[in-house]
Amino acid sequence: MDTHCLVTAGQGTAYGCVREAVLDGNVLRISLDPEALESLRFDDGEIEAPAEDVTRFREVLGQVLTYGRADAMPTRLAV
């Protein structure tokens, strides 16, 4: 529990799995570690956040994803 945790609507859970998070205007694209896809119950390693969530992400996402171990932090973070 020394890194970020991603929990999906279907209760899939993975720790330290975000590899990239890029906020471009009102679109947030997140790329995930392929090894985490089964645990998260995803087929695709890329997520696009709804526009209504982007404002909140802009405020806190950088803090959340840079918490904990350096080896579990995204390689690209532009929020």
PDB file of N, CA and C in Angstrom:
ATOM      1  N   MET A   1       0.815  -1.188   0.000  1.00  0.00           N
ATOM      2  CA  MET A   1       0.000   0.000   0.000  1.00  0.00           C
ATOM      3  C   MET A   1       0.861   1.256   0.000  1.00  0.00           C
ATOM      4  N   ASP A   2       1.983   1.172  -0.682  1.00  0.00           N
ATOM      5  CA  ASP A   2       2.879   2.317  -0.737  1.00  0.00           C
ATOM      6  C   ASP A   2       2.888   2.966  -2.116  1.00  0.00           C
ATOM      7  N   THR A   3       1.737   2.908  -2.792  1.00  0.00           N
ATOM      8  CA  THR A   3       1.590   3.541  -4.092  1.00  0.00           C
ATOM      9  C   THR A   3       0.097   3.801  -4.356  1.00  0.00           C
ATOM     10  N   HIS A   4      -0.217   4.343  -5.522  1.00  0.00           N
ATOM     11  CA  HIS A   4      -1.619   4.620  -5.840  1.00  0.00           C
ATOM     12  C   HIS A   4      -2.376   3.318  -6.110  1.00  0.00           C
ATOM     13  N   CYS A   5      -3.679   3.390  -5.949  1.00  0.00           N
ATOM     14  CA  CYS A   5      -4.555   2.244  -6.168  1.00  0.00           C
ATOM     15  C   CYS A   5      -5.651   2.671  -7.134  1.00  0.00           C
ATOM     16  N   LEU A   6      -5.896   1.846  -8.133  1.00  0.00           N
ATOM     17  CA  LEU A   6      -6.973   2.101  -9.084  1.00  0.00           C
ATOM     18  C   LEU A   6      -8.064   1.070  -8.845  1.00  0.00           C
ATOM     19  N   VAL A   7      -9.286   1.546  -8.615  1.00  0.00           N
ATOM     20  CA  VAL A   7     -10.441   0.676  -8.411  1.00  0.00           C
ATOM     21  C   VAL A   7     -11.469   1.038  -9.472  1.00  0.00           C
ATOM     22  N   THR A   8     -11.930   0.041 -10.212  1.00  0.00           N
ATOM     23  CA  THR A   8     -12.909   0.275 -11.272  1.00  0.00           C
ATOM     24  C   THR A   8     -14.329   0.187 -10.733  1.00  0.00           C
ATOM     25  N   ALA A   9     -15.278   0.600 -11.544  1.00  0.00           N
ATOM     26  CA  ALA A   9     -16.692   0.542 -11.149  1.00  0.00           C
ATOM     27  C   ALA A   9     -17.113  -0.886 -10.822  1.00  0.00           C
ATOM     28  N   GLY A  10     -16.496  -1.880 -11.467  1.00  0.00           N
ATOM     29  CA  GLY A  10     -16.803  -3.280 -11.208  1.00  0.00           C
ATOM     30  C   GLY A  10     -15.981  -3.876 -10.078  1.00  0.00           C
ATOM     31  N   GLN A  11     -15.301  -3.023  -9.305  1.00  0.00           N
ATOM     32  CA  GLN A  11     -14.488  -3.403  -8.148  1.00  0.00           C
ATOM     33  C   GLN A  11     -13.183  -4.109  -8.502  1.00  0.00           C
ATOM     34  N   GLY A  12     -12.740  -4.023  -9.766  1.00  0.00           N
ATOM     35  CA  GLY A  12     -11.402  -4.492 -10.107  1.00  0.00           C
ATOM     36  C   GLY A  12     -10.400  -3.563  -9.443  1.00  0.00           C
ATOM     37  N   THR A  13      -9.299  -4.105  -8.942  1.00  0.00           N
ATOM     38  CA  THR A  13      -8.332  -3.305  -8.179  1.00  0.00           C
ATOM     39  C   THR A  13      -6.908  -3.641  -8.587  1.00  0.00           C
ATOM     40  N   ALA A  14      -6.062  -2.598  -8.709  1.00  0.00           N
ATOM     41  CA  ALA A  14      -4.642  -2.797  -8.985  1.00  0.00           C
ATOM     42  C   ALA A  14      -3.858  -1.637  -8.381  1.00  0.00           C
ATOM     43  N   TYR A  15      -2.679  -1.950  -7.872  1.00  0.00           N
ATOM     44  CA  TYR A  15      -1.803  -0.950  -7.265  1.00  0.00           C
ATOM     45  C   TYR A  15      -0.666  -0.594  -8.212  1.00  0.00           C
ATOM     46  N   GLY A  16      -0.341   0.702  -8.283  1.00  0.00           N
ATOM     47  CA  GLY A  16       0.803   1.162  -9.070  1.00  0.00           C
ATOM     48  C   GLY A  16       0.708   0.852 -10.543  1.00  0.00           C
ATOM     49  N   CYS A  17      -0.488   0.790 -11.110  1.00  0.00           N
ATOM     50  CA  CYS A  17      -0.670   0.314 -12.480  1.00  0.00           C
ATOM     51  C   CYS A  17      -0.738   1.413 -13.534  1.00  0.00           C
ATOM     52  N   VAL A  18      -0.822   2.675 -13.129  1.00  0.00           N
ATOM     53  CA  VAL A  18      -0.913   3.763 -14.107  1.00  0.00           C
ATOM     54  C   VAL A  18       0.478   4.049 -14.653  1.00  0.00           C
ATOM     55  N   ARG A  19       0.641   3.907 -15.964  1.00  0.00           N
ATOM     56  CA  ARG A  19       1.931   4.156 -16.615  1.00  0.00           C
ATOM     57  C   ARG A  19       2.019   5.565 -17.178  1.00  0.00           C
ATOM     58  N   GLU A  20       0.910   6.077 -17.677  1.00  0.00           N
ATOM     59  CA  GLU A  20       0.863   7.439 -18.203  1.00  0.00           C
ATOM     60  C   GLU A  20      -0.488   8.049 -17.885  1.00  0.00           C
ATOM     61  N   ALA A  21      -0.492   9.342 -17.581  1.00  0.00           N
ATOM     62  CA  ALA A  21      -1.730  10.098 -17.401  1.00  0.00           C
ATOM     63  C   ALA A  21      -1.523  11.446 -18.065  1.00  0.00           C
ATOM     64  N   VAL A  22      -2.272  11.712 -19.111  1.00  0.00           N
ATOM     65  CA  VAL A  22      -2.104  12.931 -19.897  1.00  0.00           C
ATOM     66  C   VAL A  22      -3.441  13.640 -20.006  1.00  0.00           C
ATOM     67  N   LEU A  23      -3.478  14.872 -19.558  1.00  0.00           N
ATOM     68  CA  LEU A  23      -4.667  15.696 -19.634  1.00  0.00           C
ATOM     69  C   LEU A  23      -4.481  16.662 -20.792  1.00  0.00           C
ATOM     70  N   ASP A  24      -5.335  16.539 -21.795  1.00  0.00           N
ATOM     71  CA  ASP A  24      -5.265  17.373 -22.992  1.00  0.00           C
ATOM     72  C   ASP A  24      -6.604  18.078 -23.136  1.00  0.00           C
ATOM     73  N   GLY A  25      -6.654  19.346 -22.727  1.00  0.00           N
ATOM     74  CA  GLY A  25      -7.920  20.071 -22.727  1.00  0.00           C
ATOM     75  C   GLY A  25      -8.857  19.455 -21.713  1.00  0.00           C
ATOM     76  N   ASN A  26      -9.981  18.955 -22.178  1.00  0.00           N
ATOM     77  CA  ASN A  26     -10.946  18.309 -21.289  1.00  0.00           C
ATOM     78  C   ASN A  26     -10.953  16.798 -21.432  1.00  0.00           C
ATOM     79  N   VAL A  27      -9.872  16.234 -21.961  1.00  0.00           N
ATOM     80  CA  VAL A  27      -9.772  14.787 -22.117  1.00  0.00           C
ATOM     81  C   VAL A  27      -8.585  14.281 -21.313  1.00  0.00           C
ATOM     82  N   LEU A  28      -8.847  13.335 -20.426  1.00  0.00           N
ATOM     83  CA  LEU A  28      -7.796  12.684 -19.648  1.00  0.00           C
ATOM     84  C   LEU A  28      -7.627  11.278 -20.193  1.00  0.00           C
ATOM     85  N   ARG A  29      -6.417  10.966 -20.646  1.00  0.00           N
ATOM     86  CA  ARG A  29      -6.115   9.622 -21.139  1.00  0.00           C
ATOM     87  C   ARG A  29      -5.142   8.966 -20.172  1.00  0.00           C
ATOM     88  N   ILE A  30      -5.490   7.775 -19.752  1.00  0.00           N
ATOM     89  CA  ILE A  30      -4.661   7.031 -18.813  1.00  0.00           C
ATOM     90  C   ILE A  30      -4.272   5.715 -19.462  1.00  0.00           C
ATOM     91  N   SER A  31      -2.970   5.427 -19.459  1.00  0.00           N
ATOM     92  CA  SER A  31      -2.462   4.157 -19.961  1.00  0.00           C
ATOM     93  C   SER A  31      -2.067   3.296 -18.772  1.00  0.00           C
ATOM     94  N   LEU A  32      -2.445   2.024 -18.834  1.00  0.00           N
ATOM     95  CA  LEU A  32      -2.239   1.108 -17.721  1.00  0.00           C
ATOM     96  C   LEU A  32      -1.210   0.037 -18.034  1.00  0.00           C
ATOM     97  N   ASP A  33      -0.604  -0.485 -16.984  1.00  0.00           N
ATOM     98  CA  ASP A  33       0.301  -1.613 -17.094  1.00  0.00           C
ATOM     99  C   ASP A  33      -0.499  -2.808 -17.619  1.00  0.00           C
ATOM    100  N   PRO A  34      -0.071  -3.421 -18.720  1.00  0.00           N
ATOM    101  CA  PRO A  34      -0.819  -4.558 -19.274  1.00  0.00           C
ATOM    102  C   PRO A  34      -1.015  -5.698 -18.268  1.00  0.00           C
ATOM    103  N   GLU A  35      -0.095  -5.855 -17.350  1.00  0.00           N
ATOM    104  CA  GLU A  35      -0.214  -6.926 -16.356  1.00  0.00           C
ATOM    105  C   GLU A  35      -1.371  -6.700 -15.379  1.00  0.00           C
ATOM    106  N   ALA A  36      -1.874  -5.476 -15.292  1.00  0.00           N
ATOM    107  CA  ALA A  36      -2.957  -5.155 -14.361  1.00  0.00           C
ATOM    108  C   ALA A  36      -4.346  -5.304 -14.985  1.00  0.00           C
ATOM    109  N   LEU A  37      -4.416  -5.502 -16.286  1.00  0.00           N
ATOM    110  CA  LEU A  37      -5.707  -5.506 -16.975  1.00  0.00           C
ATOM    111  C   LEU A  37      -6.651  -6.596 -16.461  1.00  0.00           C
ATOM    112  N   GLU A  38      -6.159  -7.778 -16.216  1.00  0.00           N
ATOM    113  CA  GLU A  38      -7.018  -8.858 -15.730  1.00  0.00           C
ATOM    114  C   GLU A  38      -7.591  -8.507 -14.353  1.00  0.00           C
ATOM    115  N   SER A  39      -6.753  -8.004 -13.452  1.00  0.00           N
ATOM    116  CA  SER A  39      -7.214  -7.629 -12.114  1.00  0.00           C
ATOM    117  C   SER A  39      -8.255  -6.517 -12.167  1.00  0.00           C
ATOM    118  N   LEU A  40      -8.099  -5.616 -13.133  1.00  0.00           N
ATOM    119  CA  LEU A  40      -9.030  -4.500 -13.268  1.00  0.00           C
ATOM    120  C   LEU A  40     -10.277  -4.879 -14.068  1.00  0.00           C
ATOM    121  N   ARG A  41     -10.249  -6.061 -14.675  1.00  0.00           N
ATOM    122  CA  ARG A  41     -11.346  -6.545 -15.521  1.00  0.00           C
ATOM    123  C   ARG A  41     -11.523  -5.672 -16.764  1.00  0.00           C
ATOM    124  N   PHE A  42     -10.370  -5.293 -17.346  1.00  0.00           N
ATOM    125  CA  PHE A  42     -10.348  -4.493 -18.572  1.00  0.00           C
ATOM    126  C   PHE A  42      -9.735  -5.309 -19.705  1.00  0.00           C
ATOM    127  N   ASP A  43     -10.197  -5.044 -20.917  1.00  0.00           N
ATOM    128  CA  ASP A  43      -9.599  -5.646 -22.104  1.00  0.00           C
ATOM    129  C   ASP A  43      -8.558  -4.725 -22.719  1.00  0.00           C
ATOM    130  N   ASP A  44      -8.723  -3.431 -22.488  1.00  0.00           N
ATOM    131  CA  ASP A  44      -7.880  -2.416 -23.117  1.00  0.00           C
ATOM    132  C   ASP A  44      -7.117  -1.662 -22.036  1.00  0.00           C
ATOM    133  N   GLY A  45      -5.884  -1.299 -22.318  1.00  0.00           N
ATOM    134  CA  GLY A  45      -5.057  -0.609 -21.342  1.00  0.00           C
ATOM    135  C   GLY A  45      -5.146   0.899 -21.385  1.00  0.00           C
ATOM    136  N   GLU A  46      -6.139   1.430 -22.074  1.00  0.00           N
ATOM    137  CA  GLU A  46      -6.294   2.878 -22.138  1.00  0.00           C
ATOM    138  C   GLU A  46      -7.701   3.268 -21.709  1.00  0.00           C
ATOM    139  N   ILE A  47      -7.783   4.293 -20.868  1.00  0.00           N
ATOM    140  CA  ILE A  47      -9.063   4.772 -20.343  1.00  0.00           C
ATOM    141  C   ILE A  47      -9.218   6.227 -20.744  1.00  0.00           C
ATOM    142  N   GLU A  48     -10.423   6.622 -21.085  1.00  0.00           N
ATOM    143  CA  GLU A  48     -10.723   8.024 -21.338  1.00  0.00           C
ATOM    144  C   GLU A  48     -11.757   8.468 -20.311  1.00  0.00           C
ATOM    145  N   ALA A  49     -11.423   9.470 -19.522  1.00  0.00           N
ATOM    146  CA  ALA A  49     -12.316   9.934 -18.451  1.00  0.00           C
ATOM    147  C   ALA A  49     -13.390  10.854 -19.003  1.00  0.00           C
ATOM    148  N   PRO A  50     -14.593  10.781 -18.436  1.00  0.00           N
ATOM    149  CA  PRO A  50     -15.675  11.688 -18.843  1.00  0.00           C
ATOM    150  C   PRO A  50     -15.315  13.142 -18.540  1.00  0.00           C
ATOM    151  N   ALA A  51     -15.746  14.045 -19.385  1.00  0.00           N
ATOM    152  CA  ALA A  51     -15.415  15.467 -19.239  1.00  0.00           C
ATOM    153  C   ALA A  51     -15.804  16.017 -17.870  1.00  0.00           C
ATOM    154  N   GLU A  52     -16.932  15.557 -17.305  1.00  0.00           N
ATOM    155  CA  GLU A  52     -17.367  16.085 -16.010  1.00  0.00           C
ATOM    156  C   GLU A  52     -16.417  15.713 -14.868  1.00  0.00           C
ATOM    157  N   ASP A  53     -15.587  14.684 -15.053  1.00  0.00           N
ATOM    158  CA  ASP A  53     -14.633  14.290 -14.014  1.00  0.00           C
ATOM    159  C   ASP A  53     -13.282  14.989 -14.143  1.00  0.00           C
ATOM    160  N   VAL A  54     -13.023  15.577 -15.301  1.00  0.00           N
ATOM    161  CA  VAL A  54     -11.706  16.141 -15.584  1.00  0.00           C
ATOM    162  C   VAL A  54     -11.339  17.271 -14.629  1.00  0.00           C
ATOM    163  N   THR A  55     -12.267  18.122 -14.261  1.00  0.00           N
ATOM    164  CA  THR A  55     -11.957  19.229 -13.351  1.00  0.00           C
ATOM    165  C   THR A  55     -11.415  18.711 -12.037  1.00  0.00           C
ATOM    166  N   ARG A  56     -12.042  17.721 -11.468  1.00  0.00           N
ATOM    167  CA  ARG A  56     -11.576  17.145 -10.204  1.00  0.00           C
ATOM    168  C   ARG A  56     -10.228  16.459 -10.396  1.00  0.00           C
ATOM    169  N   PHE A  57     -10.064  15.737 -11.498  1.00  0.00           N
ATOM    170  CA  PHE A  57      -8.778  15.103 -11.775  1.00  0.00           C
ATOM    171  C   PHE A  57      -7.665  16.137 -11.841  1.00  0.00           C
ATOM    172  N   ARG A  58      -7.953  17.256 -12.485  1.00  0.00           N
ATOM    173  CA  ARG A  58      -6.951  18.307 -12.641  1.00  0.00           C
ATOM    174  C   ARG A  58      -6.444  18.773 -11.267  1.00  0.00           C
ATOM    175  N   GLU A  59      -7.330  18.784 -10.273  1.00  0.00           N
ATOM    176  CA  GLU A  59      -6.975  19.253  -8.933  1.00  0.00           C
ATOM    177  C   GLU A  59      -6.125  18.259  -8.150  1.00  0.00           C
ATOM    178  N   VAL A  60      -6.368  16.958  -8.277  1.00  0.00           N
ATOM    179  CA  VAL A  60      -5.751  15.993  -7.359  1.00  0.00           C
ATOM    180  C   VAL A  60      -4.947  14.869  -7.998  1.00  0.00           C
ATOM    181  N   LEU A  61      -5.095  14.629  -9.270  1.00  0.00           N
ATOM    182  CA  LEU A  61      -4.474  13.459  -9.872  1.00  0.00           C
ATOM    183  C   LEU A  61      -2.950  13.439  -9.753  1.00  0.00           C
ATOM    184  N   GLY A  62      -2.308  14.567  -9.946  1.00  0.00           N
ATOM    185  CA  GLY A  62      -0.848  14.619  -9.819  1.00  0.00           C
ATOM    186  C   GLY A  62      -0.383  14.195  -8.439  1.00  0.00           C
ATOM    187  N   GLN A  63      -1.088  14.634  -7.418  1.00  0.00           N
ATOM    188  CA  GLN A  63      -0.760  14.251  -6.039  1.00  0.00           C
ATOM    189  C   GLN A  63      -0.918  12.758  -5.823  1.00  0.00           C
ATOM    190  N   VAL A  64      -2.008  12.214  -6.295  1.00  0.00           N
ATOM    191  CA  VAL A  64      -2.300  10.797  -6.084  1.00  0.00           C
ATOM    192  C   VAL A  64      -1.274   9.916  -6.795  1.00  0.00           C
ATOM    193  N   LEU A  65      -0.981  10.221  -8.047  1.00  0.00           N
ATOM    194  CA  LEU A  65      -0.112   9.346  -8.839  1.00  0.00           C
ATOM    195  C   LEU A  65       1.366   9.472  -8.504  1.00  0.00           C
ATOM    196  N   THR A  66       1.756  10.494  -7.777  1.00  0.00           N
ATOM    197  CA  THR A  66       3.169  10.633  -7.401  1.00  0.00           C
ATOM    198  C   THR A  66       3.412  10.238  -5.950  1.00  0.00           C
ATOM    199  N   TYR A  67       2.435   9.617  -5.329  1.00  0.00           N
ATOM    200  CA  TYR A  67       2.578   9.133  -3.963  1.00  0.00           C
ATOM    201  C   TYR A  67       3.286   7.776  -3.970  1.00  0.00           C
ATOM    202  N   GLY A  68       4.193   7.572  -3.035  1.00  0.00           N
ATOM    203  CA  GLY A  68       4.773   6.239  -2.831  1.00  0.00           C
ATOM    204  C   GLY A  68       6.043   5.977  -3.601  1.00  0.00           C
ATOM    205  N   ARG A  69       6.247   4.700  -3.905  1.00  0.00           N
ATOM    206  CA  ARG A  69       7.490   4.220  -4.522  1.00  0.00           C
ATOM    207  C   ARG A  69       7.729   4.844  -5.896  1.00  0.00           C
ATOM    208  N   ALA A  70       8.956   5.202  -6.150  1.00  0.00           N
ATOM    209  CA  ALA A  70       9.318   5.796  -7.437  1.00  0.00           C
ATOM    210  C   ALA A  70       9.086   4.826  -8.594  1.00  0.00           C
ATOM    211  N   ASP A  71       9.298   3.530  -8.384  1.00  0.00           N
ATOM    212  CA  ASP A  71       9.136   2.565  -9.472  1.00  0.00           C
ATOM    213  C   ASP A  71       7.672   2.301  -9.828  1.00  0.00           C
ATOM    214  N   ALA A  72       6.739   2.817  -9.034  1.00  0.00           N
ATOM    215  CA  ALA A  72       5.316   2.638  -9.322  1.00  0.00           C
ATOM    216  C   ALA A  72       4.664   3.913  -9.848  1.00  0.00           C
ATOM    217  N   MET A  73       5.440   4.952 -10.010  1.00  0.00           N
ATOM    218  CA  MET A  73       4.901   6.224 -10.515  1.00  0.00           C
ATOM    219  C   MET A  73       4.825   6.195 -12.037  1.00  0.00           C
ATOM    220  N   PRO A  74       3.889   6.928 -12.614  1.00  0.00           N
ATOM    221  CA  PRO A  74       3.779   6.975 -14.074  1.00  0.00           C
ATOM    222  C   PRO A  74       5.066   7.477 -14.723  1.00  0.00           C
ATOM    223  N   THR A  75       5.376   6.959 -15.893  1.00  0.00           N
ATOM    224  CA  THR A  75       6.545   7.431 -16.619  1.00  0.00           C
ATOM    225  C   THR A  75       6.256   8.751 -17.315  1.00  0.00           C
ATOM    226  N   ARG A  76       4.973   9.035 -17.522  1.00  0.00           N
ATOM    227  CA  ARG A  76       4.562  10.314 -18.121  1.00  0.00           C
ATOM    228  C   ARG A  76       3.335  10.814 -17.371  1.00  0.00           C
ATOM    229  N   LEU A  77       3.422  12.028 -16.870  1.00  0.00           N
ATOM    230  CA  LEU A  77       2.329  12.634 -16.142  1.00  0.00           C
ATOM    231  C   LEU A  77       2.204  14.085 -16.580  1.00  0.00           C
ATOM    232  N   ALA A  78       1.132  14.404 -17.259  1.00  0.00           N
ATOM    233  CA  ALA A  78       0.899  15.760 -17.743  1.00  0.00           C
ATOM    234  C   ALA A  78      -0.531  16.148 -17.388  1.00  0.00           C
ATOM    235  N   VAL A  79      -0.713  16.635 -16.175  1.00  0.00           N
ATOM    236  CA  VAL A  79      -2.058  17.031 -15.709  1.00  0.00           C
ATOM    237  C   VAL A  79      -2.067  18.451 -15.224  1.00  0.00           C
TER     238      VAL A  79
END
